[in-house]
Amino acid sequence: MMKKNVLLQTFRSFSITILTGLSTFAIAQTSIPRPAHVVVLIMENHGYEDIIGNASAPFINSLAQENASLTASYALIHPSQPNYLMLFSGSSQGVVNDNVPAGIPWSAPNLGASLIQSGFTFKAYSDGLPSVGFTGSSSGAYQRKHAPWANWQGSNTNGISSSKHHPFTDFPSNFNQLPTVSFVVPDQNHDMHDGTVAQGDAWVESNLSGYISWAKTHNSLFILTFDEDDGNNLNHIVTVFAGEMVEPGSYSTACNHYDVLRTIEDMYELPYAGNSATANTIMDVWKMDNSTSVNEIQQHVSVQVNPNPVATSATVEIGGMKEIAGSTFIIYDMLGNAVKNLTGQMQALHNGVFSFNREGIRNGIYFYRLTNSEQKVYTGKIVFE
C-alpha cells in the first residue's frame, strides 16, 4: 500500500487492468500519484529486443525486472530529434531531421514552461553540456538535438530560462534539491548512440542508481525510456517506471511518448501540450491507494484481434461488454491520427465478434481504442504487415 503522506491527484475516473491468476479485472481508479520529484532519463537508438535479455545491460534489465516494465512502449518516428520534441511538447513542431530547427525560440506549449507557470520547478541535465544554457549544436559528445528545451530558451511565450539547462555535473547529490521534474540526457558516448550497450548501462548505474533507490522511499519517480530504436524493431522501446508509488510488474498496455507526457501532466494538473490532449494517461503501474473500494471491481472488457499481425483482414472478439450502444472502436497510428473507424462494424457484432479489412492501412504498428458506453477506455496494439 502507498504511505498516507503520498499526495494523490484526483482528476477523473479511469479503468486499469490487473491480471490475477487466470482472472482479469478492471479497477475504477480515480487518482494517480503526485511525486515530489520525477527524473526522466532518455537513452538512444536501441529497441526493446536489443536491451531486454541482453547480458551487456545487467542494470537496465534488473530495473525492468524489479520495477514496472511497460512492455508495449513505442517511439513515434525516426530520427531522434522529433521523438525528444514529442515527449517534451506533444509535437514534433514540424521537425523531421536532427538539424538545429529554424524559427527558434519557439512559443508552443511544452512541459517545462507548463510546470513553471503552474508553480512547480523544472530543469534539464545534459551530460557533456559545456556551460549552463549553452545553445550550440554540439560540444564533444554532447548533441543539442537531444535537448529539446533549448528550442524554447528565451523570453517568448512559453519560453524557458537558460538557467534551466545544466551540465549533468550539476545534478544534485542531495536529491531533495531536485526540481519537480527533471530530464537527464547522457552524451552520445553514454546513451548507447555511439558508445556500446555496456557503456550506457554502466553509466546509468553509476550515475542514477542512487536516485532510483532514494525515490523508492521518498515519494519520487524515475522514468527510463529510449528515444527510438535502431530501425529494426518497429520502434519498440524499453520504458520503465520506478518509485515509491509504482507497483512492480510487467505491463502490456500500449503506450508511446505522448502517453508518458500526458501522465506527467496529469500528475501536476498541467494543461495538455499538443497531442498529449488525445493521448492516454498511464494508469496500471501505480499502487492502489487505501480509498479504492472492493465494490469498484468489475468484470473486465476483453478484446482479442485475430490474426495479429494482420495481413488482409481480421476478426475482433469483445467480451464483457454490457452495452454496445454508445461505444466506439477506432484504430490510430503512432502519431495519434485516426486511420479506421470500426464503430459501425462493432455495433453490428454477432456473438461478440465482428470482422474488418485493412484497406487503406499501410504496414506498421497501430493501436485500437475501444471506448464503452461508460467512457472507459481499453487499448491494444495491432500490427499490419
Protein backbone atom coordinates (compact mmCIF):
# COMPACT_ATOMS: atom_id res chain seq x y z
CA MET A 1 0.00 0.00 0.00
CA MET A 2 1.06 3.60 -0.51
CA LYS A 3 2.09 5.62 2.51
CA LYS A 4 -0.56 8.03 3.71
CA ASN A 5 1.70 11.04 3.16
CA VAL A 6 1.87 10.37 -0.58
CA LEU A 7 -0.12 13.10 -2.30
CA LEU A 8 -2.72 11.89 -4.76
CA GLN A 9 -4.29 13.91 -7.51
CA THR A 10 -7.95 13.17 -8.24
CA PHE A 11 -8.79 14.05 -11.79
CA ARG A 12 -11.28 11.65 -13.40
CA SER A 13 -12.33 8.01 -13.44
CA PHE A 14 -10.15 5.59 -15.37
CA SER A 15 -10.08 1.85 -15.81
CA ILE A 16 -6.87 -0.06 -15.14
CA THR A 17 -6.28 -3.70 -15.94
CA ILE A 18 -4.97 -6.07 -13.27
CA LEU A 19 -4.15 -9.71 -14.00
CA THR A 20 -4.73 -12.02 -11.06
CA GLY A 21 -4.02 -15.64 -11.88
CA LEU A 22 -6.42 -16.52 -14.67
CA SER A 23 -8.83 -13.68 -13.92
CA THR A 24 -8.74 -10.21 -15.41
CA PHE A 25 -10.39 -7.26 -13.68
CA ALA A 26 -10.75 -3.54 -14.21
CA ILE A 27 -10.39 -1.21 -11.24
CA ALA A 28 -12.17 2.15 -11.39
CA GLN A 29 -9.14 4.17 -10.36
CA THR A 30 -9.84 7.81 -9.55
CA SER A 31 -6.35 9.10 -8.83
CA ILE A 32 -2.72 8.85 -9.83
CA PRO A 33 0.21 9.80 -7.62
CA ARG A 34 1.81 13.22 -7.49
CA PRO A 35 5.51 12.51 -6.90
CA ALA A 36 7.66 15.04 -5.08
CA HIS A 37 10.25 14.57 -7.84
CA VAL A 38 10.28 12.97 -11.29
CA VAL A 39 13.52 12.24 -13.15
CA VAL A 40 13.17 11.22 -16.82
CA LEU A 41 16.21 9.54 -18.40
CA ILE A 42 16.35 9.22 -22.20
CA MET A 43 18.65 6.68 -23.83
CA GLU A 44 19.30 6.21 -27.55
CA ASN A 45 18.66 4.12 -30.61
CA HIS A 46 18.08 0.61 -29.27
CA GLY A 47 14.93 -1.45 -29.45
CA TYR A 48 13.32 -3.42 -26.63
CA GLU A 49 14.65 -6.65 -28.11
CA ASP A 50 18.20 -5.22 -28.13
CA ILE A 51 18.17 -4.44 -24.40
CA ILE A 52 15.87 -6.81 -22.54
CA GLY A 53 17.70 -10.11 -22.09
CA ASN A 54 21.00 -8.58 -23.22
CA ALA A 55 23.80 -9.63 -20.84
CA SER A 56 25.59 -6.37 -21.67
CA ALA A 57 22.82 -4.40 -19.91
CA PRO A 58 22.53 -6.06 -16.49
CA PHE A 59 21.48 -2.91 -14.62
CA ILE A 60 18.69 -1.91 -17.00
CA ASN A 61 17.46 -5.50 -17.06
CA SER A 62 17.35 -5.52 -13.27
CA LEU A 63 15.38 -2.25 -13.36
CA ALA A 64 12.85 -3.82 -15.73
CA GLN A 65 12.54 -6.95 -13.60
CA GLU A 66 12.25 -5.21 -10.23
CA ASN A 67 10.02 -2.27 -11.19
CA ALA A 68 7.22 -1.51 -13.67
CA SER A 69 8.23 -2.51 -17.18
CA LEU A 70 5.97 -1.20 -19.97
CA THR A 71 6.46 -3.98 -22.48
CA ALA A 72 4.36 -2.39 -25.27
CA SER A 73 6.05 1.01 -25.31
CA TYR A 74 6.81 2.52 -28.71
CA ALA A 75 8.64 5.55 -30.03
CA LEU A 76 6.79 7.62 -32.60
CA ILE A 77 9.07 8.35 -35.54
CA HIS A 78 12.65 8.47 -36.84
CA PRO A 79 15.16 10.11 -36.42
CA SER A 80 16.00 11.15 -32.85
CA GLN A 81 15.13 14.83 -32.55
CA PRO A 82 11.38 14.64 -33.35
CA ASN A 83 10.93 11.99 -30.64
CA TYR A 84 12.53 14.21 -28.00
CA LEU A 85 10.27 17.07 -29.06
CA MET A 86 7.16 14.86 -28.93
CA LEU A 87 8.00 13.67 -25.43
CA PHE A 88 8.62 17.24 -24.24
CA SER A 89 5.94 19.20 -26.12
CA GLY A 90 3.43 16.75 -27.60
CA SER A 91 4.52 17.63 -31.14
CA SER A 92 7.48 17.35 -33.48
CA GLN A 93 6.99 21.10 -34.11
CA GLY A 94 7.40 20.30 -37.81
CA VAL A 95 10.95 18.96 -37.33
CA VAL A 96 11.82 15.94 -39.48
CA ASN A 97 15.61 15.73 -39.03
CA ASP A 98 18.39 16.24 -36.48
CA ASN A 99 19.43 19.73 -37.63
CA VAL A 100 19.09 22.80 -35.42
CA PRO A 101 15.47 23.84 -36.07
CA ALA A 102 14.53 27.09 -37.78
CA GLY A 103 12.43 29.81 -36.18
CA ILE A 104 13.62 29.32 -32.63
CA PRO A 105 12.99 30.17 -29.89
CA TRP A 106 9.51 28.74 -30.22
CA SER A 107 6.39 29.76 -28.30
CA ALA A 108 4.40 26.49 -28.42
CA PRO A 109 3.31 24.88 -25.14
CA ASN A 110 5.79 22.50 -23.54
CA LEU A 111 6.19 20.58 -20.31
CA GLY A 112 8.94 22.74 -18.83
CA ALA A 113 7.06 26.00 -19.27
CA SER A 114 3.79 24.48 -18.03
CA LEU A 115 5.45 23.29 -14.82
CA ILE A 116 6.99 26.69 -14.13
CA GLN A 117 3.78 28.58 -14.97
CA SER A 118 1.85 26.33 -12.58
CA GLY A 119 4.17 26.96 -9.65
CA PHE A 120 6.34 23.85 -9.99
CA THR A 121 10.00 23.62 -11.00
CA PHE A 122 11.87 22.19 -13.99
CA LYS A 123 15.47 21.59 -15.02
CA ALA A 124 17.32 19.54 -17.60
CA TYR A 125 20.74 17.99 -17.05
CA SER A 126 22.77 17.20 -20.18
CA ASP A 127 25.92 15.10 -19.98
CA GLY A 128 28.79 16.99 -21.60
CA LEU A 129 27.00 20.36 -21.82
CA PRO A 130 29.92 22.83 -21.69
CA SER A 131 28.09 25.56 -19.76
CA VAL A 132 24.67 26.44 -18.35
CA GLY A 133 22.31 27.47 -21.15
CA PHE A 134 24.72 26.54 -23.98
CA THR A 135 22.87 26.75 -27.32
CA GLY A 136 25.50 25.45 -29.74
CA SER A 137 24.71 22.44 -31.91
CA SER A 138 27.34 20.24 -30.26
CA SER A 139 30.32 20.13 -27.93
CA GLY A 140 32.35 16.96 -27.84
CA ALA A 141 29.88 14.11 -27.38
CA TYR A 142 27.05 16.47 -26.32
CA GLN A 143 24.40 16.99 -29.02
CA ARG A 144 21.81 19.76 -28.97
CA LYS A 145 19.35 17.60 -30.93
CA HIS A 146 18.85 15.64 -27.69
CA ALA A 147 17.99 18.76 -25.69
CA PRO A 148 14.52 19.88 -26.86
CA TRP A 149 14.18 22.55 -24.14
CA ALA A 150 16.97 24.52 -25.86
CA ASN A 151 14.47 25.35 -28.61
CA TRP A 152 12.35 27.36 -26.14
CA GLN A 153 15.25 29.10 -24.46
CA GLY A 154 14.34 32.78 -24.31
CA SER A 155 11.61 35.19 -23.28
CA ASN A 156 8.94 34.19 -25.83
CA THR A 157 5.56 32.89 -24.72
CA ASN A 158 6.21 29.54 -23.05
CA GLY A 159 9.91 30.39 -23.01
CA ILE A 160 12.34 28.59 -20.71
CA SER A 161 15.18 30.42 -18.98
CA SER A 162 18.73 29.43 -19.92
CA SER A 163 19.25 28.79 -16.20
CA LYS A 164 17.11 25.65 -16.51
CA HIS A 165 19.59 23.75 -18.70
CA HIS A 166 22.63 22.47 -16.77
CA PRO A 167 25.58 20.16 -17.29
CA PHE A 168 24.97 16.79 -15.67
CA THR A 169 27.79 17.57 -13.24
CA ASP A 170 25.26 19.91 -11.55
CA PHE A 171 22.85 17.03 -10.82
CA PRO A 172 22.49 17.34 -7.04
CA SER A 173 23.80 14.70 -4.66
CA ASN A 174 21.12 15.83 -2.21
CA PHE A 175 18.08 14.61 -4.13
CA ASN A 176 15.74 16.81 -2.10
CA GLN A 177 17.22 19.70 -4.11
CA LEU A 178 15.96 18.28 -7.41
CA PRO A 179 13.22 20.23 -9.23
CA THR A 180 9.71 18.83 -9.50
CA VAL A 181 10.50 17.35 -12.92
CA SER A 182 13.93 16.99 -14.47
CA PHE A 183 15.24 15.37 -17.62
CA VAL A 184 18.62 13.66 -17.81
CA VAL A 185 20.27 13.11 -21.19
CA PRO A 186 23.63 11.30 -21.38
CA ASP A 187 26.09 12.30 -24.10
CA GLN A 188 26.44 10.14 -27.21
CA ASN A 189 29.19 8.04 -25.65
CA HIS A 190 26.95 7.18 -22.69
CA ASP A 191 23.45 6.98 -24.20
CA MET A 192 24.24 3.96 -26.44
CA HIS A 193 24.24 6.14 -29.59
CA ASP A 194 27.99 5.98 -30.21
CA GLY A 195 29.08 4.01 -27.15
CA THR A 196 28.19 0.39 -26.50
CA VAL A 197 25.18 -1.01 -24.67
CA ALA A 198 27.53 -1.99 -21.85
CA GLN A 199 28.90 1.57 -21.58
CA GLY A 200 25.42 3.04 -21.43
CA ASP A 201 24.21 0.54 -18.88
CA ALA A 202 27.23 1.21 -16.66
CA TRP A 203 26.67 4.98 -16.92
CA VAL A 204 23.06 4.65 -15.78
CA GLU A 205 24.05 2.50 -12.82
CA SER A 206 26.96 4.72 -11.81
CA ASN A 207 25.08 8.00 -12.07
CA LEU A 208 21.43 7.27 -11.27
CA SER A 209 21.20 4.14 -9.12
CA GLY A 210 21.45 6.31 -6.01
CA TYR A 211 18.46 8.41 -7.02
CA ILE A 212 16.46 5.33 -8.04
CA SER A 213 16.95 3.75 -4.61
CA TRP A 214 16.16 7.04 -2.86
CA ALA A 215 13.00 7.56 -4.93
CA LYS A 216 11.53 4.34 -3.56
CA THR A 217 11.40 5.77 -0.04
CA HIS A 218 10.88 9.48 -0.78
CA ASN A 219 7.65 9.70 -2.83
CA SER A 220 9.59 10.16 -6.05
CA LEU A 221 9.63 8.62 -9.51
CA PHE A 222 12.24 7.56 -12.06
CA ILE A 223 11.30 7.03 -15.71
CA LEU A 224 13.72 5.36 -18.12
CA THR A 225 12.85 5.42 -21.81
CA PHE A 226 14.54 5.42 -25.21
CA ASP A 227 14.06 8.00 -27.96
CA GLU A 228 13.71 5.38 -30.75
CA ASP A 229 15.02 2.01 -31.82
CA ASP A 230 17.69 1.33 -34.44
CA GLY A 231 15.12 0.84 -37.19
CA ASN A 232 14.93 -2.94 -36.78
CA ASN A 233 12.31 -3.42 -34.04
CA LEU A 234 9.23 -1.49 -35.24
CA ASN A 235 10.23 1.31 -32.81
CA HIS A 236 9.52 -0.97 -29.83
CA ILE A 237 11.47 0.53 -26.91
CA VAL A 238 12.22 -0.05 -23.24
CA THR A 239 10.25 2.10 -20.80
CA VAL A 240 10.50 1.51 -17.04
CA PHE A 241 8.85 3.31 -14.12
CA ALA A 242 10.46 3.02 -10.66
CA GLY A 243 9.47 4.72 -7.42
CA GLU A 244 7.63 4.52 -4.13
CA MET A 245 4.21 4.69 -5.79
CA VAL A 246 4.97 2.11 -8.50
CA GLU A 247 3.65 -1.45 -8.41
CA PRO A 248 6.40 -3.70 -9.84
CA GLY A 249 5.38 -5.93 -12.69
CA SER A 250 5.20 -6.34 -16.45
CA TYR A 251 2.51 -4.21 -18.13
CA SER A 252 1.40 -4.78 -21.71
CA THR A 253 -0.86 -1.73 -22.16
CA ALA A 254 0.21 0.04 -25.35
CA CYS A 255 1.87 3.44 -24.80
CA ASN A 256 4.13 5.94 -26.51
CA HIS A 257 5.93 9.25 -25.84
CA TYR A 258 2.67 11.22 -25.86
CA ASP A 259 1.23 8.95 -23.17
CA VAL A 260 4.28 9.44 -20.94
CA LEU A 261 3.99 13.22 -21.37
CA ARG A 262 0.28 13.18 -20.58
CA THR A 263 0.88 11.09 -17.46
CA ILE A 264 3.33 13.66 -16.09
CA GLU A 265 0.93 16.48 -16.99
CA ASP A 266 -1.91 14.76 -15.12
CA MET A 267 0.29 14.29 -12.05
CA TYR A 268 0.54 18.07 -11.66
CA GLU A 269 -2.77 19.10 -13.26
CA LEU A 270 -1.00 20.81 -16.14
CA PRO A 271 -2.62 21.82 -19.44
CA TYR A 272 -2.08 19.27 -22.19
CA ALA A 273 0.58 20.17 -24.74
CA GLY A 274 -0.07 19.25 -28.36
CA ASN A 275 -1.04 15.64 -28.99
CA SER A 276 -0.92 14.72 -25.32
CA ALA A 277 -4.50 16.07 -25.26
CA THR A 278 -5.67 12.92 -27.07
CA ALA A 279 -3.14 10.52 -25.51
CA ASN A 280 -3.82 8.04 -22.69
CA THR A 281 -2.70 8.50 -19.11
CA ILE A 282 -0.64 5.51 -17.96
CA MET A 283 -2.78 4.10 -15.15
CA ASP A 284 -1.90 0.49 -14.49
CA VAL A 285 1.59 0.85 -12.96
CA TRP A 286 0.52 2.55 -9.72
CA LYS A 287 -0.08 1.02 -6.32
CA MET A 288 -3.72 1.34 -5.34
CA ASP A 289 -4.40 3.81 -2.56
CA ASN A 290 -6.45 2.91 0.51
CA SER A 291 -9.53 4.69 -0.81
CA THR A 292 -10.06 2.13 -3.59
CA SER A 293 -13.09 0.06 -2.66
CA VAL A 294 -13.61 -3.62 -3.38
CA ASN A 295 -17.01 -2.59 -4.72
CA GLU A 296 -15.22 -0.77 -7.54
CA ILE A 297 -14.03 -4.06 -9.04
CA GLN A 298 -15.96 -5.04 -12.15
CA GLN A 299 -15.56 -7.64 -14.86
CA HIS A 300 -13.00 -6.54 -17.46
CA VAL A 301 -13.88 -5.92 -21.09
CA SER A 302 -11.60 -8.19 -23.12
CA VAL A 303 -10.53 -7.56 -26.73
CA GLN A 304 -8.91 -10.16 -28.98
CA VAL A 305 -7.75 -9.38 -32.54
CA ASN A 306 -7.10 -12.44 -34.69
CA PRO A 307 -4.83 -12.78 -36.54
CA ASN A 308 -2.45 -10.17 -35.20
CA PRO A 309 -0.32 -9.25 -37.19
CA VAL A 310 -3.00 -8.59 -39.83
CA ALA A 311 -2.33 -9.28 -43.49
CA THR A 312 -5.62 -8.50 -45.25
CA SER A 313 -8.45 -8.86 -42.71
CA ALA A 314 -9.09 -9.81 -39.10
CA THR A 315 -11.82 -10.52 -36.58
CA VAL A 316 -12.27 -8.72 -33.28
CA GLU A 317 -13.82 -10.57 -30.34
CA ILE A 318 -15.13 -8.43 -27.49
CA GLY A 319 -16.10 -9.97 -24.18
CA GLY A 320 -17.67 -8.49 -21.07
CA MET A 321 -19.41 -5.56 -22.77
CA LYS A 322 -22.71 -4.87 -21.03
CA GLU A 323 -23.88 -2.32 -23.60
CA ILE A 324 -22.67 -1.90 -27.19
CA ALA A 325 -24.78 1.21 -27.87
CA GLY A 326 -22.72 4.35 -27.30
CA SER A 327 -19.40 2.52 -27.65
CA THR A 328 -16.73 3.30 -30.25
CA PHE A 329 -13.85 1.31 -31.79
CA ILE A 330 -11.18 3.27 -33.69
CA ILE A 331 -7.70 2.38 -34.97
CA TYR A 332 -5.00 5.04 -34.59
CA ASP A 333 -1.49 5.36 -35.98
CA MET A 334 1.56 6.03 -33.78
CA LEU A 335 1.05 9.79 -34.10
CA GLY A 336 -2.49 9.62 -32.73
CA ASN A 337 -4.25 10.03 -36.08
CA ALA A 338 -7.45 8.02 -36.58
CA VAL A 339 -6.97 5.78 -39.62
CA LYS A 340 -10.02 3.50 -39.47
CA ASN A 341 -13.29 3.86 -37.58
CA LEU A 342 -14.81 0.44 -36.93
CA THR A 343 -17.63 1.65 -34.70
CA GLY A 344 -20.28 0.66 -37.27
CA GLN A 345 -18.93 -2.87 -37.60
CA MET A 346 -18.76 -3.21 -33.81
CA GLN A 347 -22.35 -2.05 -33.37
CA ALA A 348 -23.43 -4.91 -35.65
CA LEU A 349 -21.28 -7.58 -33.99
CA HIS A 350 -22.69 -11.13 -33.75
CA ASN A 351 -21.93 -13.28 -30.70
CA GLY A 352 -19.36 -10.72 -29.63
CA VAL A 353 -17.39 -10.88 -32.90
CA PHE A 354 -17.02 -8.55 -35.88
CA SER A 355 -14.69 -8.52 -38.89
CA PHE A 356 -12.84 -5.81 -40.78
CA ASN A 357 -10.44 -5.47 -43.69
CA ARG A 358 -7.24 -3.43 -43.59
CA GLU A 359 -8.00 -1.48 -46.77
CA GLY A 360 -6.28 1.90 -46.64
CA ILE A 361 -3.92 0.99 -43.77
CA ARG A 362 -0.20 0.79 -44.51
CA ASN A 363 2.16 -1.68 -42.89
CA GLY A 364 3.24 -0.72 -39.39
CA ILE A 365 2.21 -0.59 -35.74
CA TYR A 366 -1.18 0.84 -34.79
CA PHE A 367 -3.39 0.93 -31.71
CA TYR A 368 -7.07 0.27 -31.26
CA ARG A 369 -9.06 2.33 -28.77
CA LEU A 370 -12.34 0.87 -27.53
CA THR A 371 -14.46 3.34 -25.56
CA ASN A 372 -17.51 1.81 -23.91
CA SER A 373 -20.80 3.47 -23.07
CA GLU A 374 -19.44 4.46 -19.64
CA GLN A 375 -16.48 6.18 -21.33
CA LYS A 376 -13.96 3.66 -20.01
CA VAL A 377 -11.11 3.17 -22.47
CA TYR A 378 -9.38 -0.06 -23.50
CA THR A 379 -6.37 -0.01 -25.83
CA GLY A 380 -4.13 -2.53 -27.51
CA LYS A 381 -1.63 -2.95 -30.31
CA ILE A 382 -2.41 -4.06 -33.87
CA VAL A 383 0.38 -4.78 -36.34
CA PHE A 384 -0.30 -4.68 -40.08
CA GLU A 385 2.21 -6.39 -42.35
